[in-house]
Amino acid sequence: MPLSEHEQKLLEQLEKQLNEDDPKFASSMGSDPGRSWSTRHLVIGVLAGLAGIGLLLAGVWMQIILVGVLGFVVMGAGVYFATMRSSTIGRSKAAGGRKPGKPRSSFMSNLEQRWDERHRGES
């Protein structure tokens, strides 16, 4: 079920407030549109993973432990590289885009005011 227009606006406001208040947490949750999955990383990671599996099997077949361990490390590095996300936008937004002299309005206080106004109107 799709969100209504009002719900979408509230969600966008919540995301914006989260990005302003805690940019590290917001970026770790993947809500930053500047970070995306890279096809290049995926392809290189999969190829490295396959090469690692090949080295691991070669190490087992030749009974050389060092080659098997190296294959395992290459395989793990390939998986890590394949799951990395690339940043397409600089980190200037993470520093906080607010002007120093401008007072910040609290999003939560605005929501609380709206909530109180609704309940006063119903009573």
PDB file of N, CA and C in Angstrom:
ATOM      1  N   MET A   1       0.830  -1.160   0.000  1.00  0.00           N
ATOM      2  CA  MET A   1       0.000   0.000   0.000  1.00  0.00           C
ATOM      3  C   MET A   1       0.893   1.248   0.000  1.00  0.00           C
ATOM      4  N   PRO A   2       0.749   2.107  -0.993  1.00  0.00           N
ATOM      5  CA  PRO A   2       1.618   3.288  -1.078  1.00  0.00           C
ATOM      6  C   PRO A   2       1.266   4.313  -0.006  1.00  0.00           C
ATOM      7  N   LEU A   3       2.270   5.141   0.310  1.00  0.00           N
ATOM      8  CA  LEU A   3       2.073   6.199   1.299  1.00  0.00           C
ATOM      9  C   LEU A   3       1.308   7.365   0.689  1.00  0.00           C
ATOM     10  N   SER A   4       0.535   8.028   1.522  1.00  0.00           N
ATOM     11  CA  SER A   4      -0.161   9.218   1.047  1.00  0.00           C
ATOM     12  C   SER A   4       0.848  10.355   0.896  1.00  0.00           C
ATOM     13  N   GLU A   5       0.421  11.415   0.246  1.00  0.00           N
ATOM     14  CA  GLU A   5       1.311  12.557   0.029  1.00  0.00           C
ATOM     15  C   GLU A   5       1.761  13.160   1.357  1.00  0.00           C
ATOM     16  N   HIS A   6       0.850  13.251   2.300  1.00  0.00           N
ATOM     17  CA  HIS A   6       1.177  13.800   3.618  1.00  0.00           C
ATOM     18  C   HIS A   6       2.212  12.921   4.333  1.00  0.00           C
ATOM     19  N   GLU A   7       2.027  11.605   4.266  1.00  0.00           N
ATOM     20  CA  GLU A   7       2.967  10.679   4.903  1.00  0.00           C
ATOM     21  C   GLU A   7       4.338  10.748   4.248  1.00  0.00           C
ATOM     22  N   GLN A   8       4.378  10.907   2.925  1.00  0.00           N
ATOM     23  CA  GLN A   8       5.655  11.031   2.230  1.00  0.00           C
ATOM     24  C   GLN A   8       6.393  12.295   2.656  1.00  0.00           C
ATOM     25  N   LYS A   9       5.655  13.406   2.821  1.00  0.00           N
ATOM     26  CA  LYS A   9       6.285  14.651   3.268  1.00  0.00           C
ATOM     27  C   LYS A   9       6.838  14.501   4.677  1.00  0.00           C
ATOM     28  N   LEU A  10       6.068  13.847   5.566  1.00  0.00           N
ATOM     29  CA  LEU A  10       6.554  13.620   6.923  1.00  0.00           C
ATOM     30  C   LEU A  10       7.806  12.747   6.932  1.00  0.00           C
ATOM     31  N   LEU A  11       7.812  11.720   6.096  1.00  0.00           N
ATOM     32  CA  LEU A  11       8.973  10.843   6.003  1.00  0.00           C
ATOM     33  C   LEU A  11      10.197  11.602   5.497  1.00  0.00           C
ATOM     34  N   GLU A  12      10.015  12.448   4.506  1.00  0.00           N
ATOM     35  CA  GLU A  12      11.128  13.253   3.995  1.00  0.00           C
ATOM     36  C   GLU A  12      11.653  14.201   5.061  1.00  0.00           C
ATOM     37  N   GLN A  13      10.741  14.784   5.853  1.00  0.00           N
ATOM     38  CA  GLN A  13      11.172  15.671   6.935  1.00  0.00           C
ATOM     39  C   GLN A  13      11.956  14.910   7.996  1.00  0.00           C
ATOM     40  N   LEU A  14      11.495  13.707   8.321  1.00  0.00           N
ATOM     41  CA  LEU A  14      12.216  12.876   9.290  1.00  0.00           C
ATOM     42  C   LEU A  14      13.616  12.527   8.788  1.00  0.00           C
ATOM     43  N   GLU A  15      13.732  12.167   7.514  1.00  0.00           N
ATOM     44  CA  GLU A  15      15.037  11.844   6.937  1.00  0.00           C
ATOM     45  C   GLU A  15      15.965  13.051   6.956  1.00  0.00           C
ATOM     46  N   LYS A  16      15.418  14.211   6.614  1.00  0.00           N
ATOM     47  CA  LYS A  16      16.217  15.435   6.607  1.00  0.00           C
ATOM     48  C   LYS A  16      16.715  15.761   8.011  1.00  0.00           C
ATOM     49  N   GLN A  17      15.835  15.636   8.996  1.00  0.00           N
ATOM     50  CA  GLN A  17      16.202  15.919  10.383  1.00  0.00           C
ATOM     51  C   GLN A  17      17.267  14.936  10.867  1.00  0.00           C
ATOM     52  N   LEU A  18      17.127  13.660  10.510  1.00  0.00           N
ATOM     53  CA  LEU A  18      18.124  12.667  10.896  1.00  0.00           C
ATOM     54  C   LEU A  18      19.470  12.980  10.270  1.00  0.00           C
ATOM     55  N   ASN A  19      19.470  13.359   9.002  1.00  0.00           N
ATOM     56  CA  ASN A  19      20.729  13.710   8.339  1.00  0.00           C
ATOM     57  C   ASN A  19      21.388  14.914   8.983  1.00  0.00           C
ATOM     58  N   GLU A  20      20.591  15.872   9.459  1.00  0.00           N
ATOM     59  CA  GLU A  20      21.158  17.053  10.107  1.00  0.00           C
ATOM     60  C   GLU A  20      21.654  16.740  11.512  1.00  0.00           C
ATOM     61  N   ASP A  21      20.904  15.943  12.257  1.00  0.00           N
ATOM     62  CA  ASP A  21      21.255  15.668  13.642  1.00  0.00           C
ATOM     63  C   ASP A  21      22.402  14.669  13.784  1.00  0.00           C
ATOM     64  N   ASP A  22      22.381  13.603  13.015  1.00  0.00           N
ATOM     65  CA  ASP A  22      23.398  12.563  13.146  1.00  0.00           C
ATOM     66  C   ASP A  22      23.771  12.025  11.764  1.00  0.00           C
ATOM     67  N   PRO A  23      24.638  12.743  11.028  1.00  0.00           N
ATOM     68  CA  PRO A  23      24.964  12.315   9.665  1.00  0.00           C
ATOM     69  C   PRO A  23      25.698  10.974   9.601  1.00  0.00           C
ATOM     70  N   LYS A  24      26.484  10.650  10.618  1.00  0.00           N
ATOM     71  CA  LYS A  24      27.192   9.362  10.606  1.00  0.00           C
ATOM     72  C   LYS A  24      26.200   8.201  10.658  1.00  0.00           C
ATOM     73  N   PHE A  25      25.237   8.308  11.579  1.00  0.00           N
ATOM     74  CA  PHE A  25      24.239   7.248  11.703  1.00  0.00           C
ATOM     75  C   PHE A  25      23.396   7.148  10.442  1.00  0.00           C
ATOM     76  N   ALA A  26      23.015   8.293   9.892  1.00  0.00           N
ATOM     77  CA  ALA A  26      22.187   8.297   8.684  1.00  0.00           C
ATOM     78  C   ALA A  26      22.916   7.638   7.525  1.00  0.00           C
ATOM     79  N   SER A  27      24.210   7.921   7.378  1.00  0.00           N
ATOM     80  CA  SER A  27      24.954   7.309   6.277  1.00  0.00           C
ATOM     81  C   SER A  27      25.173   5.822   6.511  1.00  0.00           C
ATOM     82  N   SER A  28      25.313   5.422   7.770  1.00  0.00           N
ATOM     83  CA  SER A  28      25.488   3.995   8.038  1.00  0.00           C
ATOM     84  C   SER A  28      24.211   3.203   7.791  1.00  0.00           C
ATOM     85  N   MET A  29      23.062   3.871   7.904  1.00  0.00           N
ATOM     86  CA  MET A  29      21.794   3.204   7.635  1.00  0.00           C
ATOM     87  C   MET A  29      21.472   3.168   6.143  1.00  0.00           C
ATOM     88  N   GLY A  30      22.279   3.808   5.342  1.00  0.00           N
ATOM     89  CA  GLY A  30      22.091   3.744   3.902  1.00  0.00           C
ATOM     90  C   GLY A  30      21.022   4.664   3.372  1.00  0.00           C
ATOM     91  N   SER A  31      20.647   5.681   4.119  1.00  0.00           N
ATOM     92  CA  SER A  31      19.610   6.582   3.641  1.00  0.00           C
ATOM     93  C   SER A  31      20.181   7.714   2.806  1.00  0.00           C
ATOM     94  N   ASP A  32      21.488   7.758   2.653  1.00  0.00           N
ATOM     95  CA  ASP A  32      22.132   8.824   1.885  1.00  0.00           C
ATOM     96  C   ASP A  32      22.028   8.506   0.396  1.00  0.00           C
ATOM     97  N   PRO A  33      21.350   9.345  -0.402  1.00  0.00           N
ATOM     98  CA  PRO A  33      21.199   9.039  -1.820  1.00  0.00           C
ATOM     99  C   PRO A  33      22.515   9.137  -2.591  1.00  0.00           C
ATOM    100  N   GLY A  34      23.557   9.711  -1.996  1.00  0.00           N
ATOM    101  CA  GLY A  34      24.838   9.843  -2.682  1.00  0.00           C
ATOM    102  C   GLY A  34      25.665   8.576  -2.666  1.00  0.00           C
ATOM    103  N   ARG A  35      25.222   7.579  -1.906  1.00  0.00           N
ATOM    104  CA  ARG A  35      25.970   6.329  -1.836  1.00  0.00           C
ATOM    105  C   ARG A  35      25.171   5.253  -2.553  1.00  0.00           C
ATOM    106  N   SER A  36      25.820   4.565  -3.488  1.00  0.00           N
ATOM    107  CA  SER A  36      25.095   3.563  -4.261  1.00  0.00           C
ATOM    108  C   SER A  36      25.984   2.345  -4.479  1.00  0.00           C
ATOM    109  N   TRP A  37      25.338   1.281  -4.915  1.00  0.00           N
ATOM    110  CA  TRP A  37      26.070   0.066  -5.230  1.00  0.00           C
ATOM    111  C   TRP A  37      26.801   0.263  -6.552  1.00  0.00           C
ATOM    112  N   SER A  38      28.036  -0.167  -6.614  1.00  0.00           N
ATOM    113  CA  SER A  38      28.841  -0.004  -7.808  1.00  0.00           C
ATOM    114  C   SER A  38      28.923  -1.333  -8.555  1.00  0.00           C
ATOM    115  N   THR A  39      28.584  -1.306  -9.825  1.00  0.00           N
ATOM    116  CA  THR A  39      28.666  -2.515 -10.643  1.00  0.00           C
ATOM    117  C   THR A  39      30.119  -2.965 -10.796  1.00  0.00           C
ATOM    118  N   ARG A  40      31.010  -1.993 -10.904  1.00  0.00           N
ATOM    119  CA  ARG A  40      32.436  -2.311 -11.032  1.00  0.00           C
ATOM    120  C   ARG A  40      32.921  -3.068  -9.801  1.00  0.00           C
ATOM    121  N   HIS A  41      32.547  -2.592  -8.602  1.00  0.00           N
ATOM    122  CA  HIS A  41      32.957  -3.286  -7.379  1.00  0.00           C
ATOM    123  C   HIS A  41      32.389  -4.691  -7.332  1.00  0.00           C
ATOM    124  N   LEU A  42      31.153  -4.841  -7.752  1.00  0.00           N
ATOM    125  CA  LEU A  42      30.519  -6.152  -7.738  1.00  0.00           C
ATOM    126  C   LEU A  42      31.231  -7.131  -8.666  1.00  0.00           C
ATOM    127  N   VAL A  43      31.516  -6.690  -9.884  1.00  0.00           N
ATOM    128  CA  VAL A  43      32.168  -7.578 -10.859  1.00  0.00           C
ATOM    129  C   VAL A  43      33.572  -7.951 -10.395  1.00  0.00           C
ATOM    130  N   ILE A  44      34.349  -6.957  -9.968  1.00  0.00           N
ATOM    131  CA  ILE A  44      35.722  -7.242  -9.513  1.00  0.00           C
ATOM    132  C   ILE A  44      35.692  -8.137  -8.276  1.00  0.00           C
ATOM    133  N   GLY A  45      34.754  -7.872  -7.359  1.00  0.00           N
ATOM    134  CA  GLY A  45      34.644  -8.694  -6.159  1.00  0.00           C
ATOM    135  C   GLY A  45      34.290 -10.138  -6.465  1.00  0.00           C
ATOM    136  N   VAL A  46      33.363 -10.339  -7.393  1.00  0.00           N
ATOM    137  CA  VAL A  46      32.980 -11.704  -7.766  1.00  0.00           C
ATOM    138  C   VAL A  46      34.149 -12.420  -8.437  1.00  0.00           C
ATOM    139  N   LEU A  47      34.858 -11.717  -9.321  1.00  0.00           N
ATOM    140  CA  LEU A  47      36.020 -12.334  -9.970  1.00  0.00           C
ATOM    141  C   LEU A  47      37.108 -12.688  -8.957  1.00  0.00           C
ATOM    142  N   ALA A  48      37.339 -11.797  -7.996  1.00  0.00           N
ATOM    143  CA  ALA A  48      38.327 -12.086  -6.952  1.00  0.00           C
ATOM    144  C   ALA A  48      37.863 -13.259  -6.087  1.00  0.00           C
ATOM    145  N   GLY A  49      36.574 -13.322  -5.805  1.00  0.00           N
ATOM    146  CA  GLY A  49      36.046 -14.445  -5.038  1.00  0.00           C
ATOM    147  C   GLY A  49      36.225 -15.769  -5.768  1.00  0.00           C
ATOM    148  N   LEU A  50      35.962 -15.759  -7.064  1.00  0.00           N
ATOM    149  CA  LEU A  50      36.171 -16.984  -7.855  1.00  0.00           C
ATOM    150  C   LEU A  50      37.643 -17.367  -7.918  1.00  0.00           C
ATOM    151  N   ALA A  51      38.516 -16.371  -8.060  1.00  0.00           N
ATOM    152  CA  ALA A  51      39.963 -16.645  -8.056  1.00  0.00           C
ATOM    153  C   ALA A  51      40.381 -17.213  -6.705  1.00  0.00           C
ATOM    154  N   GLY A  52      39.796 -16.683  -5.630  1.00  0.00           N
ATOM    155  CA  GLY A  52      40.101 -17.201  -4.299  1.00  0.00           C
ATOM    156  C   GLY A  52      39.660 -18.641  -4.131  1.00  0.00           C
ATOM    157  N   ILE A  53      38.484 -18.963  -4.646  1.00  0.00           N
ATOM    158  CA  ILE A  53      38.016 -20.352  -4.576  1.00  0.00           C
ATOM    159  C   ILE A  53      38.959 -21.254  -5.364  1.00  0.00           C
ATOM    160  N   GLY A  54      39.398 -20.763  -6.530  1.00  0.00           N
ATOM    161  CA  GLY A  54      40.357 -21.543  -7.328  1.00  0.00           C
ATOM    162  C   GLY A  54      41.663 -21.773  -6.590  1.00  0.00           C
ATOM    163  N   LEU A  55      42.177 -20.727  -5.958  1.00  0.00           N
ATOM    164  CA  LEU A  55      43.415 -20.883  -5.167  1.00  0.00           C
ATOM    165  C   LEU A  55      43.213 -21.829  -3.992  1.00  0.00           C
ATOM    166  N   LEU A  56      42.063 -21.729  -3.345  1.00  0.00           N
ATOM    167  CA  LEU A  56      41.770 -22.604  -2.221  1.00  0.00           C
ATOM    168  C   LEU A  56      41.739 -24.065  -2.661  1.00  0.00           C
ATOM    169  N   LEU A  57      41.056 -24.330  -3.769  1.00  0.00           N
ATOM    170  CA  LEU A  57      40.997 -25.706  -4.285  1.00  0.00           C
ATOM    171  C   LEU A  57      42.366 -26.194  -4.749  1.00  0.00           C
ATOM    172  N   ALA A  58      43.143 -25.294  -5.367  1.00  0.00           N
ATOM    173  CA  ALA A  58      44.498 -25.673  -5.800  1.00  0.00           C
ATOM    174  C   ALA A  58      45.368 -25.995  -4.592  1.00  0.00           C
ATOM    175  N   GLY A  59      45.223 -25.213  -3.521  1.00  0.00           N
ATOM    176  CA  GLY A  59      45.994 -25.480  -2.311  1.00  0.00           C
ATOM    177  C   GLY A  59      45.639 -26.814  -1.684  1.00  0.00           C
ATOM    178  N   VAL A  60      44.349 -27.159  -1.714  1.00  0.00           N
ATOM    179  CA  VAL A  60      43.925 -28.455  -1.174  1.00  0.00           C
ATOM    180  C   VAL A  60      44.430 -29.585  -2.067  1.00  0.00           C
ATOM    181  N   TRP A  61      44.334 -29.406  -3.372  1.00  0.00           N
ATOM    182  CA  TRP A  61      44.751 -30.445  -4.305  1.00  0.00           C
ATOM    183  C   TRP A  61      46.261 -30.675  -4.235  1.00  0.00           C
ATOM    184  N   MET A  62      47.042 -29.588  -4.117  1.00  0.00           N
ATOM    185  CA  MET A  62      48.504 -29.719  -4.040  1.00  0.00           C
ATOM    186  C   MET A  62      48.977 -29.967  -2.609  1.00  0.00           C
ATOM    187  N   GLN A  63      48.076 -29.917  -1.655  1.00  0.00           N
ATOM    188  CA  GLN A  63      48.369 -30.109  -0.240  1.00  0.00           C
ATOM    189  C   GLN A  63      49.408 -29.099   0.261  1.00  0.00           C
ATOM    190  N   ILE A  64      49.243 -27.862  -0.168  1.00  0.00           N
ATOM    191  CA  ILE A  64      50.082 -26.759   0.297  1.00  0.00           C
ATOM    192  C   ILE A  64      49.172 -25.809   1.077  1.00  0.00           C
ATOM    193  N   ILE A  65      49.377 -25.771   2.376  1.00  0.00           N
ATOM    194  CA  ILE A  65      48.491 -25.003   3.246  1.00  0.00           C
ATOM    195  C   ILE A  65      48.553 -23.517   2.925  1.00  0.00           C
ATOM    196  N   LEU A  66      49.722 -22.995   2.635  1.00  0.00           N
ATOM    197  CA  LEU A  66      49.875 -21.572   2.383  1.00  0.00           C
ATOM    198  C   LEU A  66      49.037 -21.112   1.181  1.00  0.00           C
ATOM    199  N   VAL A  67      48.979 -21.916   0.136  1.00  0.00           N
ATOM    200  CA  VAL A  67      48.182 -21.570  -1.045  1.00  0.00           C
ATOM    201  C   VAL A  67      46.689 -21.592  -0.695  1.00  0.00           C
ATOM    202  N   GLY A  68      46.269 -22.559   0.106  1.00  0.00           N
ATOM    203  CA  GLY A  68      44.877 -22.632   0.529  1.00  0.00           C
ATOM    204  C   GLY A  68      44.478 -21.433   1.385  1.00  0.00           C
ATOM    205  N   VAL A  69      45.363 -21.047   2.309  1.00  0.00           N
ATOM    206  CA  VAL A  69      45.079 -19.891   3.152  1.00  0.00           C
ATOM    207  C   VAL A  69      45.043 -18.623   2.303  1.00  0.00           C
ATOM    208  N   LEU A  70      45.973 -18.499   1.365  1.00  0.00           N
ATOM    209  CA  LEU A  70      45.981 -17.342   0.472  1.00  0.00           C
ATOM    210  C   LEU A  70      44.687 -17.290  -0.346  1.00  0.00           C
ATOM    211  N   GLY A  71      44.223 -18.432  -0.807  1.00  0.00           N
ATOM    212  CA  GLY A  71      42.966 -18.491  -1.541  1.00  0.00           C
ATOM    213  C   GLY A  71      41.788 -18.045  -0.693  1.00  0.00           C
ATOM    214  N   PHE A  72      41.783 -18.449   0.567  1.00  0.00           N
ATOM    215  CA  PHE A  72      40.710 -18.040   1.471  1.00  0.00           C
ATOM    216  C   PHE A  72      40.730 -16.534   1.697  1.00  0.00           C
ATOM    217  N   VAL A  73      41.924 -15.963   1.858  1.00  0.00           N
ATOM    218  CA  VAL A  73      42.047 -14.521   2.064  1.00  0.00           C
ATOM    219  C   VAL A  73      41.586 -13.759   0.820  1.00  0.00           C
ATOM    220  N   VAL A  74      41.987 -14.221  -0.359  1.00  0.00           N
ATOM    221  CA  VAL A  74      41.573 -13.569  -1.605  1.00  0.00           C
ATOM    222  C   VAL A  74      40.060 -13.669  -1.775  1.00  0.00           C
ATOM    223  N   MET A  75      39.490 -14.805  -1.417  1.00  0.00           N
ATOM    224  CA  MET A  75      38.055 -14.987  -1.513  1.00  0.00           C
ATOM    225  C   MET A  75      37.328 -14.019  -0.566  1.00  0.00           C
ATOM    226  N   GLY A  76      37.797 -13.894   0.652  1.00  0.00           N
ATOM    227  CA  GLY A  76      37.191 -12.964   1.608  1.00  0.00           C
ATOM    228  C   GLY A  76      37.324 -11.519   1.149  1.00  0.00           C
ATOM    229  N   ALA A  77      38.489 -11.165   0.606  1.00  0.00           N
ATOM    230  CA  ALA A  77      38.685  -9.806   0.103  1.00  0.00           C
ATOM    231  C   ALA A  77      37.749  -9.531  -1.075  1.00  0.00           C
ATOM    232  N   GLY A  78      37.514 -10.508  -1.904  1.00  0.00           N
ATOM    233  CA  GLY A  78      36.599 -10.342  -3.028  1.00  0.00           C
ATOM    234  C   GLY A  78      35.172 -10.088  -2.572  1.00  0.00           C
ATOM    235  N   VAL A  79      34.732 -10.825  -1.560  1.00  0.00           N
ATOM    236  CA  VAL A  79      33.386 -10.621  -1.030  1.00  0.00           C
ATOM    237  C   VAL A  79      33.280  -9.231  -0.400  1.00  0.00           C
ATOM    238  N   TYR A  80      34.304  -8.832   0.347  1.00  0.00           N
ATOM    239  CA  TYR A  80      34.293  -7.503   0.960  1.00  0.00           C
ATOM    240  C   TYR A  80      34.233  -6.412  -0.111  1.00  0.00           C
ATOM    241  N   PHE A  81      35.055  -6.553  -1.142  1.00  0.00           N
ATOM    242  CA  PHE A  81      35.099  -5.553  -2.205  1.00  0.00           C
ATOM    243  C   PHE A  81      33.779  -5.497  -2.973  1.00  0.00           C
ATOM    244  N   ALA A  82      33.146  -6.652  -3.158  1.00  0.00           N
ATOM    245  CA  ALA A  82      31.877  -6.696  -3.891  1.00  0.00           C
ATOM    246  C   ALA A  82      30.753  -6.013  -3.112  1.00  0.00           C
ATOM    247  N   THR A  83      30.833  -6.024  -1.787  1.00  0.00           N
ATOM    248  CA  THR A  83      29.766  -5.441  -0.984  1.00  0.00           C
ATOM    249  C   THR A  83      30.045  -4.000  -0.578  1.00  0.00           C
ATOM    250  N   MET A  84      31.147  -3.424  -1.009  1.00  0.00           N
ATOM    251  CA  MET A  84      31.450  -2.027  -0.713  1.00  0.00           C
ATOM    252  C   MET A  84      30.504  -1.127  -1.483  1.00  0.00           C
ATOM    253  N   ARG A  85      30.197   0.020  -0.906  1.00  0.00           N
ATOM    254  CA  ARG A  85      29.359   1.011  -1.583  1.00  0.00           C
ATOM    255  C   ARG A  85      30.243   2.185  -1.955  1.00  0.00           C
ATOM    256  N   SER A  86      30.007   2.734  -3.143  1.00  0.00           N
ATOM    257  CA  SER A  86      30.825   3.859  -3.592  1.00  0.00           C
ATOM    258  C   SER A  86      30.100   5.160  -3.313  1.00  0.00           C
ATOM    259  N   SER A  87      30.852   6.205  -3.029  1.00  0.00           N
ATOM    260  CA  SER A  87      30.286   7.515  -2.755  1.00  0.00           C
ATOM    261  C   SER A  87      30.399   8.365  -4.007  1.00  0.00           C
ATOM    262  N   THR A  88      29.262   8.893  -4.460  1.00  0.00           N
ATOM    263  CA  THR A  88      29.283   9.726  -5.658  1.00  0.00           C
ATOM    264  C   THR A  88      29.223  11.194  -5.327  1.00  0.00           C
ATOM    265  N   ILE A  89      28.874  11.519  -4.078  1.00  0.00           N
ATOM    266  CA  ILE A  89      28.806  12.903  -3.641  1.00  0.00           C
ATOM    267  C   ILE A  89      29.834  13.095  -2.547  1.00  0.00           C
ATOM    268  N   GLY A  90      30.476  14.249  -2.523  1.00  0.00           N
ATOM    269  CA  GLY A  90      31.490  14.523  -1.512  1.00  0.00           C
ATOM    270  C   GLY A  90      30.910  14.538  -0.112  1.00  0.00           C
ATOM    271  N   ARG A  91      31.770  14.559   0.862  1.00  0.00           N
ATOM    272  CA  ARG A  91      31.343  14.504   2.254  1.00  0.00           C
ATOM    273  C   ARG A  91      31.058  15.885   2.834  1.00  0.00           C
ATOM    274  N   SER A  92      30.906  16.889   1.988  1.00  0.00           N
ATOM    275  CA  SER A  92      30.667  18.243   2.486  1.00  0.00           C
ATOM    276  C   SER A  92      29.320  18.353   3.186  1.00  0.00           C
ATOM    277  N   LYS A  93      28.337  17.523   2.802  1.00  0.00           N
ATOM    278  CA  LYS A  93      27.031  17.570   3.448  1.00  0.00           C
ATOM    279  C   LYS A  93      27.101  17.040   4.868  1.00  0.00           C
ATOM    280  N   ALA A  94      28.044  16.129   5.135  1.00  0.00           N
ATOM    281  CA  ALA A  94      28.137  15.524   6.457  1.00  0.00           C
ATOM    282  C   ALA A  94      28.603  16.524   7.502  1.00  0.00           C
ATOM    283  N   ALA A  95      29.234  17.610   7.098  1.00  0.00           N
ATOM    284  CA  ALA A  95      29.726  18.595   8.051  1.00  0.00           C
ATOM    285  C   ALA A  95      28.598  19.428   8.632  1.00  0.00           C
ATOM    286  N   GLY A  96      27.427  19.329   8.051  1.00  0.00           N
ATOM    287  CA  GLY A  96      26.277  20.094   8.543  1.00  0.00           C
ATOM    288  C   GLY A  96      26.102  21.323   7.686  1.00  0.00           C
ATOM    289  N   GLY A  97      24.985  21.430   7.005  1.00  0.00           N
ATOM    290  CA  GLY A  97      24.793  22.501   6.058  1.00  0.00           C
ATOM    291  C   GLY A  97      24.121  23.722   6.648  1.00  0.00           C
ATOM    292  N   ARG A  98      24.045  23.839   7.978  1.00  0.00           N
ATOM    293  CA  ARG A  98      23.366  24.969   8.593  1.00  0.00           C
ATOM    294  C   ARG A  98      24.245  26.196   8.638  1.00  0.00           C
ATOM    295  N   LYS A  99      23.597  27.350   8.575  1.00  0.00           N
ATOM    296  CA  LYS A  99      24.315  28.612   8.734  1.00  0.00           C
ATOM    297  C   LYS A  99      24.547  28.856  10.217  1.00  0.00           C
ATOM    298  N   PRO A 100      25.717  29.408  10.603  1.00  0.00           N
ATOM    299  CA  PRO A 100      26.015  29.540  12.017  1.00  0.00           C
ATOM    300  C   PRO A 100      25.083  30.476  12.767  1.00  0.00           C
ATOM    301  N   GLY A 101      24.591  31.556  12.157  1.00  0.00           N
ATOM    302  CA  GLY A 101      23.771  32.516  12.872  1.00  0.00           C
ATOM    303  C   GLY A 101      22.295  32.170  12.887  1.00  0.00           C
ATOM    304  N   LYS A 102      21.887  31.214  12.089  1.00  0.00           N
ATOM    305  CA  LYS A 102      20.468  30.906  11.949  1.00  0.00           C
ATOM    306  C   LYS A 102      20.019  29.928  13.038  1.00  0.00           C
ATOM    307  N   PRO A 103      18.971  30.280  13.804  1.00  0.00           N
ATOM    308  CA  PRO A 103      18.502  29.340  14.823  1.00  0.00           C
ATOM    309  C   PRO A 103      17.807  28.158  14.174  1.00  0.00           C
ATOM    310  N   ARG A 104      17.980  26.993  14.763  1.00  0.00           N
ATOM    311  CA  ARG A 104      17.417  25.771  14.209  1.00  0.00           C
ATOM    312  C   ARG A 104      16.058  25.502  14.836  1.00  0.00           C
ATOM    313  N   SER A 105      15.064  25.250  13.986  1.00  0.00           N
ATOM    314  CA  SER A 105      13.752  24.892  14.504  1.00  0.00           C
ATOM    315  C   SER A 105      13.728  23.392  14.757  1.00  0.00           C
ATOM    316  N   SER A 106      13.125  23.024  15.840  1.00  0.00           N
ATOM    317  CA  SER A 106      13.090  21.615  16.211  1.00  0.00           C
ATOM    318  C   SER A 106      11.923  20.931  15.522  1.00  0.00           C
ATOM    319  N   PHE A 107      12.222  19.902  14.791  1.00  0.00           N
ATOM    320  CA  PHE A 107      11.200  19.150  14.075  1.00  0.00           C
ATOM    321  C   PHE A 107      10.249  18.469  15.053  1.00  0.00           C
ATOM    322  N   MET A 108      10.817  17.907  16.104  1.00  0.00           N
ATOM    323  CA  MET A 108       9.972  17.204  17.070  1.00  0.00           C
ATOM    324  C   MET A 108       9.031  18.167  17.801  1.00  0.00           C
ATOM    325  N   SER A 109       9.511  19.380  18.107  1.00  0.00           N
ATOM    326  CA  SER A 109       8.621  20.335  18.783  1.00  0.00           C
ATOM    327  C   SER A 109       7.481  20.743  17.859  1.00  0.00           C
ATOM    328  N   ASN A 110       7.751  20.845  16.558  1.00  0.00           N
ATOM    329  CA  ASN A 110       6.678  21.141  15.599  1.00  0.00           C
ATOM    330  C   ASN A 110       5.637  20.026  15.575  1.00  0.00           C
ATOM    331  N   LEU A 111       6.101  18.781  15.584  1.00  0.00           N
ATOM    332  CA  LEU A 111       5.169  17.652  15.602  1.00  0.00           C
ATOM    333  C   LEU A 111       4.352  17.646  16.887  1.00  0.00           C
ATOM    334  N   GLU A 112       5.003  17.938  18.013  1.00  0.00           N
ATOM    335  CA  GLU A 112       4.274  17.974  19.279  1.00  0.00           C
ATOM    336  C   GLU A 112       3.218  19.067  19.274  1.00  0.00           C
ATOM    337  N   GLN A 113       3.529  20.230  18.704  1.00  0.00           N
ATOM    338  CA  GLN A 113       2.554  21.310  18.623  1.00  0.00           C
ATOM    339  C   GLN A 113       1.354  20.905  17.780  1.00  0.00           C
ATOM    340  N   ARG A 114       1.615  20.254  16.647  1.00  0.00           N
ATOM    341  CA  ARG A 114       0.514  19.795  15.798  1.00  0.00           C
ATOM    342  C   ARG A 114      -0.366  18.784  16.532  1.00  0.00           C
ATOM    343  N   TRP A 115       0.298  17.869  17.257  1.00  0.00           N
ATOM    344  CA  TRP A 115      -0.428  16.850  18.002  1.00  0.00           C
ATOM    345  C   TRP A 115      -1.327  17.500  19.052  1.00  0.00           C
ATOM    346  N   ASP A 116      -0.774  18.462  19.791  1.00  0.00           N
ATOM    347  CA  ASP A 116      -1.553  19.156  20.813  1.00  0.00           C
ATOM    348  C   ASP A 116      -2.728  19.912  20.196  1.00  0.00           C
ATOM    349  N   GLU A 117      -2.512  20.567  19.063  1.00  0.00           N
ATOM    350  CA  GLU A 117      -3.581  21.308  18.409  1.00  0.00           C
ATOM    351  C   GLU A 117      -4.710  20.375  17.969  1.00  0.00           C
ATOM    352  N   ARG A 118      -4.373  19.213  17.480  1.00  0.00           N
ATOM    353  CA  ARG A 118      -5.407  18.252  17.061  1.00  0.00           C
ATOM    354  C   ARG A 118      -6.244  17.799  18.246  1.00  0.00           C
ATOM    355  N   HIS A 119      -5.560  17.517  19.366  1.00  0.00           N
ATOM    356  CA  HIS A 119      -6.297  17.035  20.544  1.00  0.00           C
ATOM    357  C   HIS A 119      -7.128  18.143  21.182  1.00  0.00           C
ATOM    358  N   ARG A 120      -6.666  19.380  21.089  1.00  0.00           N
ATOM    359  CA  ARG A 120      -7.452  20.495  21.623  1.00  0.00           C
ATOM    360  C   ARG A 120      -8.708  20.697  20.783  1.00  0.00           C
ATOM    361  N   GLY A 121      -8.584  20.480  19.469  1.00  0.00           N
ATOM    362  CA  GLY A 121      -9.734  20.645  18.576  1.00  0.00           C
ATOM    363  C   GLY A 121     -10.786  19.571  18.775  1.00  0.00           C
ATOM    364  N   GLU A 122     -10.376  18.363  19.176  1.00  0.00           N
ATOM    365  CA  GLU A 122     -11.318  17.254  19.375  1.00  0.00           C
ATOM    366  C   GLU A 122     -12.071  17.394  20.686  1.00  0.00           C
ATOM    367  N   SER A 123     -11.474  17.976  21.707  1.00  0.00           N
ATOM    368  CA  SER A 123     -12.090  18.052  23.047  1.00  0.00           C
ATOM    369  C   SER A 123     -13.178  19.083  23.138  1.00  0.00           C
TER     370      SER A 123
END
